[in-house]
Amino acid sequence: MDTIVRGEGAVGSDPCSRVHCLADGRRIGYAEFGDAQGLPVLAIHGTPGSRFMFALTHEGARARGLRIIAPERPGYGLSDYRRSVALAPLAEDVKALADALGLDRFAVIGVSGGGPHAVAVAASMPARVALLALISPVGPIAECHGRIRMSRLHRLIFTGLGRSPRACATFFWSLRSLVRWAPGAAYRVLLQRVTQSDRSVLVRPEVRANLQAAIREALRPGIGGALQDLRLFCTPWGLSLAEIDVPAVMWQGSDDSIVPPQAAYHLAEALPNCRLDVIQGAGHYWVFGQFGRVLDTILAALRK
């Protein structure tokens, strides 16, 4: 029988982390924040990311009576790696966790690279998802990149780098080394890539500590999870977006320099029941200063 245990890995013990054993013997790591008895929310981290990414929601979620459950994808943090050729099989891991935790109705958050995975989760359990909340998501670039505007950097990453296993591995191994041995330098590189509005969020000590911990834990076991994410993002998702008729809200910064905003807008149009909220002048990391905005919307949906 599957069991849930405290997460005790190379990062040590912490009261929020747990490991669930799947039917095939693999482990899926996750963390819980907010109100342990509250309304459930599955929160899907970015790329590269880990269960720690949602620690900043803890106080806000607890005040609203929300239980944030943040699973890690295969190859990240405490989750064992599993190669997949599509998004749908990975969503089955999240479904197994939701079943084990007895979650009948819940919201799903997908941040950045967690967006495609959150959409796949909604597709796998449409009757159980009260709200799909997409925050600065990676859109279906393989399906729409010829029809949308993208920066040169976005085209390099999402139509070039992800299709070259060698180049992709070199990039993520370099990032892992920098995050591990020179975290301050890694963060300075990030600050140089983002908009001024993002910098005003990222320089906050609590945001800096959160992102550094989340990315360090993401890459601690290796780069398999990050490689898989980028490979999947650069190919067709294999999901019938027009059939995912669940209530959805997308928040997207107009000046996002990390993911292509036009691909996110395309995703919002493709989902039949999605409301798009374009945040003018915002970059990619705005949510780390405004998680309450998202939590309020989720709470209203779960109370219906």
C-alpha atoms as a PDB file:
ATOM      1  CA  MET A   1       0.000   0.000   0.000  1.00  0.00           C
ATOM      2  CA  ASP A   2       1.274   3.490  -0.827  1.00  0.00           C
ATOM      3  CA  THR A   3       2.565   5.501   2.118  1.00  0.00           C
ATOM      4  CA  ILE A   4       3.265   9.161   2.753  1.00  0.00           C
ATOM      5  CA  VAL A   5       6.410   9.995   4.736  1.00  0.00           C
ATOM      6  CA  ARG A   6       8.345  13.060   5.755  1.00  0.00           C
ATOM      7  CA  GLY A   7      10.843  14.194   3.144  1.00  0.00           C
ATOM      8  CA  GLU A   8      14.367  13.607   4.366  1.00  0.00           C
ATOM      9  CA  GLY A   9      16.802  13.973   1.487  1.00  0.00           C
ATOM     10  CA  ALA A  10      20.026  15.798   0.823  1.00  0.00           C
ATOM     11  CA  VAL A  11      18.277  19.034   1.759  1.00  0.00           C
ATOM     12  CA  GLY A  12      17.514  17.757   5.248  1.00  0.00           C
ATOM     13  CA  SER A  13      14.176  17.523   7.057  1.00  0.00           C
ATOM     14  CA  ASP A  14      11.545  20.204   7.014  1.00  0.00           C
ATOM     15  CA  PRO A  15       7.987  20.139   8.351  1.00  0.00           C
ATOM     16  CA  CYS A  16       6.376  21.015   5.013  1.00  0.00           C
ATOM     17  CA  SER A  17       7.888  18.302   2.800  1.00  0.00           C
ATOM     18  CA  ARG A  18       6.574  14.817   2.189  1.00  0.00           C
ATOM     19  CA  VAL A  19       7.146  11.901  -0.178  1.00  0.00           C
ATOM     20  CA  HIS A  20       4.343   9.824  -1.662  1.00  0.00           C
ATOM     21  CA  CYS A  21       5.151   6.388  -3.094  1.00  0.00           C
ATOM     22  CA  LEU A  22       3.398   5.744  -6.416  1.00  0.00           C
ATOM     23  CA  ALA A  23       2.079   2.356  -7.476  1.00  0.00           C
ATOM     24  CA  ASP A  24       5.137   1.675  -9.663  1.00  0.00           C
ATOM     25  CA  GLY A  25       7.511   2.337  -6.760  1.00  0.00           C
ATOM     26  CA  ARG A  26       8.590   5.820  -7.800  1.00  0.00           C
ATOM     27  CA  ARG A  27       8.543   8.647  -5.290  1.00  0.00           C
ATOM     28  CA  ILE A  28       6.828  11.980  -5.803  1.00  0.00           C
ATOM     29  CA  GLY A  29       7.922  14.776  -3.500  1.00  0.00           C
ATOM     30  CA  TYR A  30       5.610  17.565  -2.447  1.00  0.00           C
ATOM     31  CA  ALA A  31       5.187  20.244   0.196  1.00  0.00           C
ATOM     32  CA  GLU A  32       2.148  21.673   1.941  1.00  0.00           C
ATOM     33  CA  PHE A  33       1.602  25.281   2.937  1.00  0.00           C
ATOM     34  CA  GLY A  34      -1.293  27.270   4.369  1.00  0.00           C
ATOM     35  CA  ASP A  35      -4.174  25.707   6.301  1.00  0.00           C
ATOM     36  CA  ALA A  36      -3.755  21.924   6.622  1.00  0.00           C
ATOM     37  CA  GLN A  37      -7.556  21.579   6.888  1.00  0.00           C
ATOM     38  CA  GLY A  38      -8.330  24.138   4.214  1.00  0.00           C
ATOM     39  CA  LEU A  39      -9.749  24.016   0.707  1.00  0.00           C
ATOM     40  CA  PRO A  40      -7.213  22.184  -1.499  1.00  0.00           C
ATOM     41  CA  VAL A  41      -5.072  23.757  -4.208  1.00  0.00           C
ATOM     42  CA  LEU A  42      -2.558  21.826  -6.314  1.00  0.00           C
ATOM     43  CA  ALA A  43       0.301  24.201  -7.152  1.00  0.00           C
ATOM     44  CA  ILE A  44       2.608  23.291 -10.066  1.00  0.00           C
ATOM     45  CA  HIS A  45       6.070  24.868  -9.987  1.00  0.00           C
ATOM     46  CA  GLY A  46       8.044  26.511 -12.784  1.00  0.00           C
ATOM     47  CA  THR A  47      11.143  25.462 -14.733  1.00  0.00           C
ATOM     48  CA  PRO A  48      13.474  24.779 -13.085  1.00  0.00           C
ATOM     49  CA  GLY A  49      11.542  24.731  -9.829  1.00  0.00           C
ATOM     50  CA  SER A  50      10.585  22.656  -6.831  1.00  0.00           C
ATOM     51  CA  ARG A  51       8.081  22.285  -4.012  1.00  0.00           C
ATOM     52  CA  PHE A  52       9.664  25.235  -2.192  1.00  0.00           C
ATOM     53  CA  MET A  53       8.482  27.714  -4.849  1.00  0.00           C
ATOM     54  CA  PHE A  54       5.135  28.161  -3.085  1.00  0.00           C
ATOM     55  CA  ALA A  55       6.458  28.788   0.423  1.00  0.00           C
ATOM     56  CA  LEU A  56       5.594  32.465  -0.010  1.00  0.00           C
ATOM     57  CA  THR A  57       1.907  31.541  -0.165  1.00  0.00           C
ATOM     58  CA  HIS A  58       1.921  30.093   3.355  1.00  0.00           C
ATOM     59  CA  GLU A  59       0.600  33.018   5.400  1.00  0.00           C
ATOM     60  CA  GLY A  60      -1.822  34.228   2.759  1.00  0.00           C
ATOM     61  CA  ALA A  61      -3.210  30.745   2.176  1.00  0.00           C
ATOM     62  CA  ARG A  62      -3.600  30.088   5.891  1.00  0.00           C
ATOM     63  CA  ALA A  63      -5.488  33.364   6.366  1.00  0.00           C
ATOM     64  CA  ARG A  64      -7.873  32.387   3.557  1.00  0.00           C
ATOM     65  CA  GLY A  65      -8.360  28.781   4.660  1.00  0.00           C
ATOM     66  CA  LEU A  66      -6.519  27.320   1.648  1.00  0.00           C
ATOM     67  CA  ARG A  67      -4.337  24.203   1.642  1.00  0.00           C
ATOM     68  CA  ILE A  68      -1.518  24.540  -0.887  1.00  0.00           C
ATOM     69  CA  ILE A  69      -0.138  21.187  -2.088  1.00  0.00           C
ATOM     70  CA  ALA A  70       2.951  21.624  -4.278  1.00  0.00           C
ATOM     71  CA  PRO A  71       4.127  18.428  -6.034  1.00  0.00           C
ATOM     72  CA  GLU A  72       7.442  18.121  -7.834  1.00  0.00           C
ATOM     73  CA  ARG A  73       7.676  16.783 -11.366  1.00  0.00           C
ATOM     74  CA  PRO A  74       9.889  13.760 -12.125  1.00  0.00           C
ATOM     75  CA  GLY A  75      13.571  14.581 -11.793  1.00  0.00           C
ATOM     76  CA  TYR A  76      13.073  17.612  -9.544  1.00  0.00           C
ATOM     77  CA  GLY A  77      13.769  17.691  -5.809  1.00  0.00           C
ATOM     78  CA  LEU A  78      12.473  14.561  -4.089  1.00  0.00           C
ATOM     79  CA  SER A  79      10.676  13.133  -7.139  1.00  0.00           C
ATOM     80  CA  ASP A  80      12.252  10.218  -8.997  1.00  0.00           C
ATOM     81  CA  TYR A  81      12.945  10.801 -12.675  1.00  0.00           C
ATOM     82  CA  ARG A  82      10.651   9.280 -15.282  1.00  0.00           C
ATOM     83  CA  ARG A  83      11.091   9.899 -18.973  1.00  0.00           C
ATOM     84  CA  SER A  84       7.921  10.918 -20.768  1.00  0.00           C
ATOM     85  CA  VAL A  85       7.226  11.769 -24.393  1.00  0.00           C
ATOM     86  CA  ALA A  86       4.153  13.870 -23.587  1.00  0.00           C
ATOM     87  CA  LEU A  87       2.531  15.980 -20.872  1.00  0.00           C
ATOM     88  CA  ALA A  88      -0.429  13.664 -20.226  1.00  0.00           C
ATOM     89  CA  PRO A  89       1.518  10.782 -18.588  1.00  0.00           C
ATOM     90  CA  LEU A  90       3.126  13.234 -16.169  1.00  0.00           C
ATOM     91  CA  ALA A  91      -0.314  14.532 -15.200  1.00  0.00           C
ATOM     92  CA  GLU A  92      -1.156  10.991 -14.119  1.00  0.00           C
ATOM     93  CA  ASP A  93       1.380  11.322 -11.287  1.00  0.00           C
ATOM     94  CA  VAL A  94      -0.477  14.373  -9.985  1.00  0.00           C
ATOM     95  CA  LYS A  95      -3.782  12.540 -10.333  1.00  0.00           C
ATOM     96  CA  ALA A  96      -2.395   9.641  -8.281  1.00  0.00           C
ATOM     97  CA  LEU A  97      -1.316  12.079  -5.565  1.00  0.00           C
ATOM     98  CA  ALA A  98      -4.729  13.776  -5.558  1.00  0.00           C
ATOM     99  CA  ASP A  99      -6.395  10.369  -5.242  1.00  0.00           C
ATOM    100  CA  ALA A 100      -4.108   9.351  -2.379  1.00  0.00           C
ATOM    101  CA  LEU A 101      -4.846  12.589  -0.520  1.00  0.00           C
ATOM    102  CA  GLY A 102      -8.591  12.171  -1.052  1.00  0.00           C
ATOM    103  CA  LEU A 103      -9.017  15.402  -3.011  1.00  0.00           C
ATOM    104  CA  ASP A 104     -12.421  15.405  -4.694  1.00  0.00           C
ATOM    105  CA  ARG A 105     -12.573  19.028  -5.830  1.00  0.00           C
ATOM    106  CA  PHE A 106      -9.672  21.450  -5.974  1.00  0.00           C
ATOM    107  CA  ALA A 107      -8.020  24.310  -7.820  1.00  0.00           C
ATOM    108  CA  VAL A 108      -4.841  23.972  -9.877  1.00  0.00           C
ATOM    109  CA  ILE A 109      -2.154  26.642 -10.149  1.00  0.00           C
ATOM    110  CA  GLY A 110       0.476  26.542 -12.896  1.00  0.00           C
ATOM    111  CA  VAL A 111       3.308  29.079 -12.747  1.00  0.00           C
ATOM    112  CA  SER A 112       5.522  29.670 -15.798  1.00  0.00           C
ATOM    113  CA  GLY A 113       6.827  26.246 -16.881  1.00  0.00           C
ATOM    114  CA  GLY A 114       4.209  24.696 -14.635  1.00  0.00           C
ATOM    115  CA  GLY A 115       1.511  26.113 -16.907  1.00  0.00           C
ATOM    116  CA  PRO A 116       1.537  23.357 -19.545  1.00  0.00           C
ATOM    117  CA  HIS A 117       1.567  20.718 -16.799  1.00  0.00           C
ATOM    118  CA  ALA A 118      -1.355  22.391 -15.005  1.00  0.00           C
ATOM    119  CA  VAL A 119      -3.323  22.373 -18.264  1.00  0.00           C
ATOM    120  CA  ALA A 120      -2.580  18.642 -18.616  1.00  0.00           C
ATOM    121  CA  VAL A 121      -3.760  18.052 -15.047  1.00  0.00           C
ATOM    122  CA  ALA A 122      -7.018  19.884 -15.794  1.00  0.00           C
ATOM    123  CA  ALA A 123      -7.449  17.791 -18.937  1.00  0.00           C
ATOM    124  CA  SER A 124      -7.017  14.582 -16.948  1.00  0.00           C
ATOM    125  CA  MET A 125      -9.520  15.518 -14.209  1.00  0.00           C
ATOM    126  CA  PRO A 126     -11.938  18.111 -15.623  1.00  0.00           C
ATOM    127  CA  ALA A 127     -14.813  17.202 -13.293  1.00  0.00           C
ATOM    128  CA  ARG A 128     -12.648  17.734 -10.225  1.00  0.00           C
ATOM    129  CA  VAL A 129     -10.947  21.026 -11.124  1.00  0.00           C
ATOM    130  CA  ALA A 130     -12.874  24.023  -9.795  1.00  0.00           C
ATOM    131  CA  LEU A 131     -10.415  26.504 -11.310  1.00  0.00           C
ATOM    132  CA  LEU A 132      -7.324  26.387 -13.502  1.00  0.00           C
ATOM    133  CA  ALA A 133      -5.141  29.349 -12.493  1.00  0.00           C
ATOM    134  CA  LEU A 134      -2.351  30.068 -14.977  1.00  0.00           C
ATOM    135  CA  ILE A 135       0.345  32.556 -14.000  1.00  0.00           C
ATOM    136  CA  SER A 136       2.739  33.768 -16.708  1.00  0.00           C
ATOM    137  CA  PRO A 137       2.549  30.351 -18.381  1.00  0.00           C
ATOM    138  CA  VAL A 138       4.603  28.867 -21.180  1.00  0.00           C
ATOM    139  CA  GLY A 139       2.163  28.642 -24.074  1.00  0.00           C
ATOM    140  CA  PRO A 140       1.896  26.006 -26.847  1.00  0.00           C
ATOM    141  CA  ILE A 141       4.826  27.447 -28.789  1.00  0.00           C
ATOM    142  CA  ALA A 142       5.253  24.528 -31.200  1.00  0.00           C
ATOM    143  CA  GLU A 143       1.688  25.047 -32.417  1.00  0.00           C
ATOM    144  CA  CYS A 144       1.740  28.824 -32.750  1.00  0.00           C
ATOM    145  CA  HIS A 145       5.332  30.119 -33.011  1.00  0.00           C
ATOM    146  CA  GLY A 146       4.958  30.831 -36.744  1.00  0.00           C
ATOM    147  CA  ARG A 147       1.964  33.096 -36.087  1.00  0.00           C
ATOM    148  CA  ILE A 148       3.057  35.076 -33.044  1.00  0.00           C
ATOM    149  CA  ARG A 149       5.714  37.645 -32.207  1.00  0.00           C
ATOM    150  CA  MET A 150       8.641  36.381 -30.149  1.00  0.00           C
ATOM    151  CA  SER A 151      11.914  37.996 -29.185  1.00  0.00           C
ATOM    152  CA  ARG A 152      15.139  36.594 -30.622  1.00  0.00           C
ATOM    153  CA  LEU A 153      15.986  35.143 -27.203  1.00  0.00           C
ATOM    154  CA  HIS A 154      12.607  33.419 -26.919  1.00  0.00           C
ATOM    155  CA  ARG A 155      13.032  31.878 -30.357  1.00  0.00           C
ATOM    156  CA  LEU A 156      16.521  30.677 -29.423  1.00  0.00           C
ATOM    157  CA  ILE A 157      15.284  29.023 -26.230  1.00  0.00           C
ATOM    158  CA  PHE A 158      11.949  27.586 -27.316  1.00  0.00           C
ATOM    159  CA  THR A 159      12.612  26.659 -30.953  1.00  0.00           C
ATOM    160  CA  GLY A 160      16.362  26.013 -30.836  1.00  0.00           C
ATOM    161  CA  LEU A 161      17.819  25.123 -27.468  1.00  0.00           C
ATOM    162  CA  GLY A 162      15.065  22.698 -26.517  1.00  0.00           C
ATOM    163  CA  ARG A 163      15.570  20.751 -29.736  1.00  0.00           C
ATOM    164  CA  SER A 164      19.313  20.282 -29.173  1.00  0.00           C
ATOM    165  CA  PRO A 165      19.899  17.825 -26.301  1.00  0.00           C
ATOM    166  CA  ARG A 166      23.600  18.646 -26.144  1.00  0.00           C
ATOM    167  CA  ALA A 167      23.131  22.421 -26.022  1.00  0.00           C
ATOM    168  CA  CYS A 168      20.281  22.068 -23.535  1.00  0.00           C
ATOM    169  CA  ALA A 169      22.339  19.833 -21.241  1.00  0.00           C
ATOM    170  CA  THR A 170      25.296  22.228 -21.385  1.00  0.00           C
ATOM    171  CA  PHE A 171      23.043  25.122 -20.428  1.00  0.00           C
ATOM    172  CA  PHE A 172      21.392  23.381 -17.463  1.00  0.00           C
ATOM    173  CA  TRP A 173      24.613  21.826 -16.131  1.00  0.00           C
ATOM    174  CA  SER A 174      26.181  25.293 -16.209  1.00  0.00           C
ATOM    175  CA  LEU A 175      23.168  26.744 -14.437  1.00  0.00           C
ATOM    176  CA  ARG A 176      23.268  23.992 -11.810  1.00  0.00           C
ATOM    177  CA  SER A 177      26.942  24.656 -11.089  1.00  0.00           C
ATOM    178  CA  LEU A 178      26.383  28.393 -10.854  1.00  0.00           C
ATOM    179  CA  VAL A 179      23.372  28.009  -8.543  1.00  0.00           C
ATOM    180  CA  ARG A 180      25.259  25.556  -6.349  1.00  0.00           C
ATOM    181  CA  TRP A 181      28.639  27.283  -6.078  1.00  0.00           C
ATOM    182  CA  ALA A 182      27.898  30.955  -6.779  1.00  0.00           C
ATOM    183  CA  PRO A 183      24.224  31.593  -5.976  1.00  0.00           C
ATOM    184  CA  GLY A 184      24.761  35.332  -5.699  1.00  0.00           C
ATOM    185  CA  ALA A 185      26.223  35.481  -9.192  1.00  0.00           C
ATOM    186  CA  ALA A 186      23.386  33.356 -10.557  1.00  0.00           C
ATOM    187  CA  TYR A 187      20.853  35.755  -9.085  1.00  0.00           C
ATOM    188  CA  ARG A 188      22.658  38.759 -10.536  1.00  0.00           C
ATOM    189  CA  VAL A 189      22.476  37.153 -13.975  1.00  0.00           C
ATOM    190  CA  LEU A 190      18.720  36.749 -13.502  1.00  0.00           C
ATOM    191  CA  LEU A 191      18.336  40.388 -12.493  1.00  0.00           C
ATOM    192  CA  GLN A 192      20.080  41.454 -15.701  1.00  0.00           C
ATOM    193  CA  ARG A 193      17.571  39.524 -17.850  1.00  0.00           C
ATOM    194  CA  VAL A 194      14.334  40.877 -16.403  1.00  0.00           C
ATOM    195  CA  THR A 195      12.371  44.101 -16.596  1.00  0.00           C
ATOM    196  CA  GLN A 196      12.637  46.897 -14.056  1.00  0.00           C
ATOM    197  CA  SER A 197       9.230  45.968 -12.639  1.00  0.00           C
ATOM    198  CA  ASP A 198      10.537  42.430 -12.035  1.00  0.00           C
ATOM    199  CA  ARG A 199      13.695  43.715 -10.377  1.00  0.00           C
ATOM    200  CA  SER A 200      11.635  45.618  -7.825  1.00  0.00           C
ATOM    201  CA  VAL A 201      10.073  42.277  -6.813  1.00  0.00           C
ATOM    202  CA  LEU A 202      13.184  40.108  -7.061  1.00  0.00           C
ATOM    203  CA  VAL A 203      15.336  42.339  -4.819  1.00  0.00           C
ATOM    204  CA  ARG A 204      13.027  41.698  -1.867  1.00  0.00           C
ATOM    205  CA  PRO A 205      14.956  39.495   0.596  1.00  0.00           C
ATOM    206  CA  GLU A 206      12.109  37.011   1.068  1.00  0.00           C
ATOM    207  CA  VAL A 207      11.630  36.585  -2.700  1.00  0.00           C
ATOM    208  CA  ARG A 208      15.350  36.174  -3.290  1.00  0.00           C
ATOM    209  CA  ALA A 209      15.625  33.533  -0.560  1.00  0.00           C
ATOM    210  CA  ASN A 210      12.560  31.695  -1.868  1.00  0.00           C
ATOM    211  CA  LEU A 211      13.661  31.536  -5.505  1.00  0.00           C
ATOM    212  CA  GLN A 212      17.218  30.572  -4.651  1.00  0.00           C
ATOM    213  CA  ALA A 213      16.004  27.724  -2.424  1.00  0.00           C
ATOM    214  CA  ALA A 214      13.465  26.553  -5.019  1.00  0.00           C
ATOM    215  CA  ILE A 215      15.949  26.446  -7.896  1.00  0.00           C
ATOM    216  CA  ARG A 216      18.758  24.941  -5.817  1.00  0.00           C
ATOM    217  CA  GLU A 217      16.482  22.105  -4.709  1.00  0.00           C
ATOM    218  CA  ALA A 218      15.139  21.674  -8.238  1.00  0.00           C
ATOM    219  CA  LEU A 219      18.595  20.972  -9.653  1.00  0.00           C
ATOM    220  CA  ARG A 220      20.068  19.176  -6.616  1.00  0.00           C
ATOM    221  CA  PRO A 221      19.452  15.647  -7.971  1.00  0.00           C
ATOM    222  CA  GLY A 222      20.505  16.604 -11.519  1.00  0.00           C
ATOM    223  CA  ILE A 223      19.095  18.256 -14.626  1.00  0.00           C
ATOM    224  CA  GLY A 224      16.733  15.520 -15.839  1.00  0.00           C
ATOM    225  CA  GLY A 225      13.568  17.365 -14.882  1.00  0.00           C
ATOM    226  CA  ALA A 226      14.631  20.620 -16.526  1.00  0.00           C
ATOM    227  CA  LEU A 227      15.752  18.860 -19.718  1.00  0.00           C
ATOM    228  CA  GLN A 228      12.447  17.045 -19.951  1.00  0.00           C
ATOM    229  CA  ASP A 229      10.439  20.223 -19.418  1.00  0.00           C
ATOM    230  CA  LEU A 230      12.157  22.153 -22.181  1.00  0.00           C
ATOM    231  CA  ARG A 231      11.957  19.183 -24.559  1.00  0.00           C
ATOM    232  CA  LEU A 232       8.199  18.914 -23.984  1.00  0.00           C
ATOM    233  CA  PHE A 233       7.665  22.671 -24.296  1.00  0.00           C
ATOM    234  CA  CYS A 234       9.319  22.664 -27.735  1.00  0.00           C
ATOM    235  CA  THR A 235       7.053  19.963 -29.167  1.00  0.00           C
ATOM    236  CA  PRO A 236       3.253  19.776 -29.613  1.00  0.00           C
ATOM    237  CA  TRP A 237       1.528  19.230 -26.290  1.00  0.00           C
ATOM    238  CA  GLY A 238      -0.784  16.505 -27.547  1.00  0.00           C
ATOM    239  CA  LEU A 239      -3.729  18.017 -25.667  1.00  0.00           C
ATOM    240  CA  SER A 240      -7.088  18.975 -27.169  1.00  0.00           C
ATOM    241  CA  LEU A 241      -7.205  22.456 -25.689  1.00  0.00           C
ATOM    242  CA  ALA A 242     -10.665  23.207 -27.069  1.00  0.00           C
ATOM    243  CA  GLU A 243     -12.051  20.289 -25.061  1.00  0.00           C
ATOM    244  CA  ILE A 244     -10.633  21.404 -21.690  1.00  0.00           C
ATOM    245  CA  ASP A 245     -13.795  23.166 -20.618  1.00  0.00           C
ATOM    246  CA  VAL A 246     -12.912  23.979 -17.022  1.00  0.00           C
ATOM    247  CA  PRO A 247     -13.133  27.470 -15.492  1.00  0.00           C
ATOM    248  CA  ALA A 248      -9.757  29.121 -16.034  1.00  0.00           C
ATOM    249  CA  VAL A 249      -8.061  32.438 -15.339  1.00  0.00           C
ATOM    250  CA  MET A 250      -4.738  33.519 -16.789  1.00  0.00           C
ATOM    251  CA  TRP A 251      -2.621  36.372 -15.479  1.00  0.00           C
ATOM    252  CA  GLN A 252       0.090  37.493 -17.903  1.00  0.00           C
ATOM    253  CA  GLY A 253       2.486  40.411 -17.698  1.00  0.00           C
ATOM    254  CA  SER A 254       2.581  42.429 -20.911  1.00  0.00           C
ATOM    255  CA  ASP A 255       6.360  42.917 -20.661  1.00  0.00           C
ATOM    256  CA  ASP A 256       7.356  39.351 -19.765  1.00  0.00           C
ATOM    257  CA  SER A 257      10.982  38.725 -20.803  1.00  0.00           C
ATOM    258  CA  ILE A 258      11.132  35.080 -19.657  1.00  0.00           C
ATOM    259  CA  VAL A 259       8.251  33.470 -21.602  1.00  0.00           C
ATOM    260  CA  PRO A 260       6.611  34.789 -24.806  1.00  0.00           C
ATOM    261  CA  PRO A 261       3.431  36.677 -23.847  1.00  0.00           C
ATOM    262  CA  GLN A 262       1.885  36.107 -27.279  1.00  0.00           C
ATOM    263  CA  ALA A 263       2.040  32.321 -26.771  1.00  0.00           C
ATOM    264  CA  ALA A 264       0.255  32.732 -23.437  1.00  0.00           C
ATOM    265  CA  TYR A 265      -2.451  34.831 -25.116  1.00  0.00           C
ATOM    266  CA  HIS A 266      -2.846  32.080 -27.726  1.00  0.00           C
ATOM    267  CA  LEU A 267      -3.333  29.541 -24.929  1.00  0.00           C
ATOM    268  CA  ALA A 268      -5.988  31.715 -23.286  1.00  0.00           C
ATOM    269  CA  GLU A 269      -7.868  31.938 -26.586  1.00  0.00           C
ATOM    270  CA  ALA A 270      -7.621  28.186 -27.163  1.00  0.00           C
ATOM    271  CA  LEU A 271      -9.096  27.259 -23.769  1.00  0.00           C
ATOM    272  CA  PRO A 272     -12.897  27.614 -24.116  1.00  0.00           C
ATOM    273  CA  ASN A 273     -13.584  28.908 -20.609  1.00  0.00           C
ATOM    274  CA  CYS A 274     -10.563  31.106 -19.865  1.00  0.00           C
ATOM    275  CA  ARG A 275     -10.501  34.718 -18.699  1.00  0.00           C
ATOM    276  CA  LEU A 276      -7.327  36.587 -19.608  1.00  0.00           C
ATOM    277  CA  ASP A 277      -6.023  39.295 -17.278  1.00  0.00           C
ATOM    278  CA  VAL A 278      -3.145  41.168 -18.929  1.00  0.00           C
ATOM    279  CA  ILE A 279      -1.130  43.072 -16.351  1.00  0.00           C
ATOM    280  CA  GLN A 280       0.181  46.085 -18.206  1.00  0.00           C
ATOM    281  CA  GLY A 281       3.842  46.863 -17.554  1.00  0.00           C
ATOM    282  CA  ALA A 282       4.396  43.715 -15.501  1.00  0.00           C
ATOM    283  CA  GLY A 283       7.152  41.223 -16.203  1.00  0.00           C
ATOM    284  CA  HIS A 284       7.400  37.544 -15.332  1.00  0.00           C
ATOM    285  CA  TYR A 285       7.818  37.552 -11.545  1.00  0.00           C
ATOM    286  CA  TRP A 286       5.040  39.947 -10.528  1.00  0.00           C
ATOM    287  CA  VAL A 287       3.152  37.165  -8.692  1.00  0.00           C
ATOM    288  CA  PHE A 288       5.822  36.860  -6.000  1.00  0.00           C
ATOM    289  CA  GLY A 289       4.654  40.225  -4.754  1.00  0.00           C
ATOM    290  CA  GLN A 290       0.938  39.626  -5.386  1.00  0.00           C
ATOM    291  CA  PHE A 291       0.110  36.021  -4.532  1.00  0.00           C
ATOM    292  CA  GLY A 292      -2.917  37.318  -2.621  1.00  0.00           C
ATOM    293  CA  ARG A 293      -4.515  38.408  -5.897  1.00  0.00           C
ATOM    294  CA  VAL A 294      -4.406  34.824  -7.167  1.00  0.00           C
ATOM    295  CA  LEU A 295      -5.451  33.274  -3.858  1.00  0.00           C
ATOM    296  CA  ASP A 296      -8.523  35.511  -3.638  1.00  0.00           C
ATOM    297  CA  THR A 297      -9.680  34.352  -7.076  1.00  0.00           C
ATOM    298  CA  ILE A 298      -9.090  30.719  -6.161  1.00  0.00           C
ATOM    299  CA  LEU A 299     -10.964  31.056  -2.886  1.00  0.00           C
ATOM    300  CA  ALA A 300     -13.999  32.516  -4.647  1.00  0.00           C
ATOM    301  CA  ALA A 301     -14.031  29.610  -7.139  1.00  0.00           C
ATOM    302  CA  LEU A 302     -13.721  26.935  -4.457  1.00  0.00           C
ATOM    303  CA  ARG A 303     -16.552  28.450  -2.420  1.00  0.00           C
ATOM    304  CA  LYS A 304     -19.038  28.164  -5.294  1.00  0.00           C
END
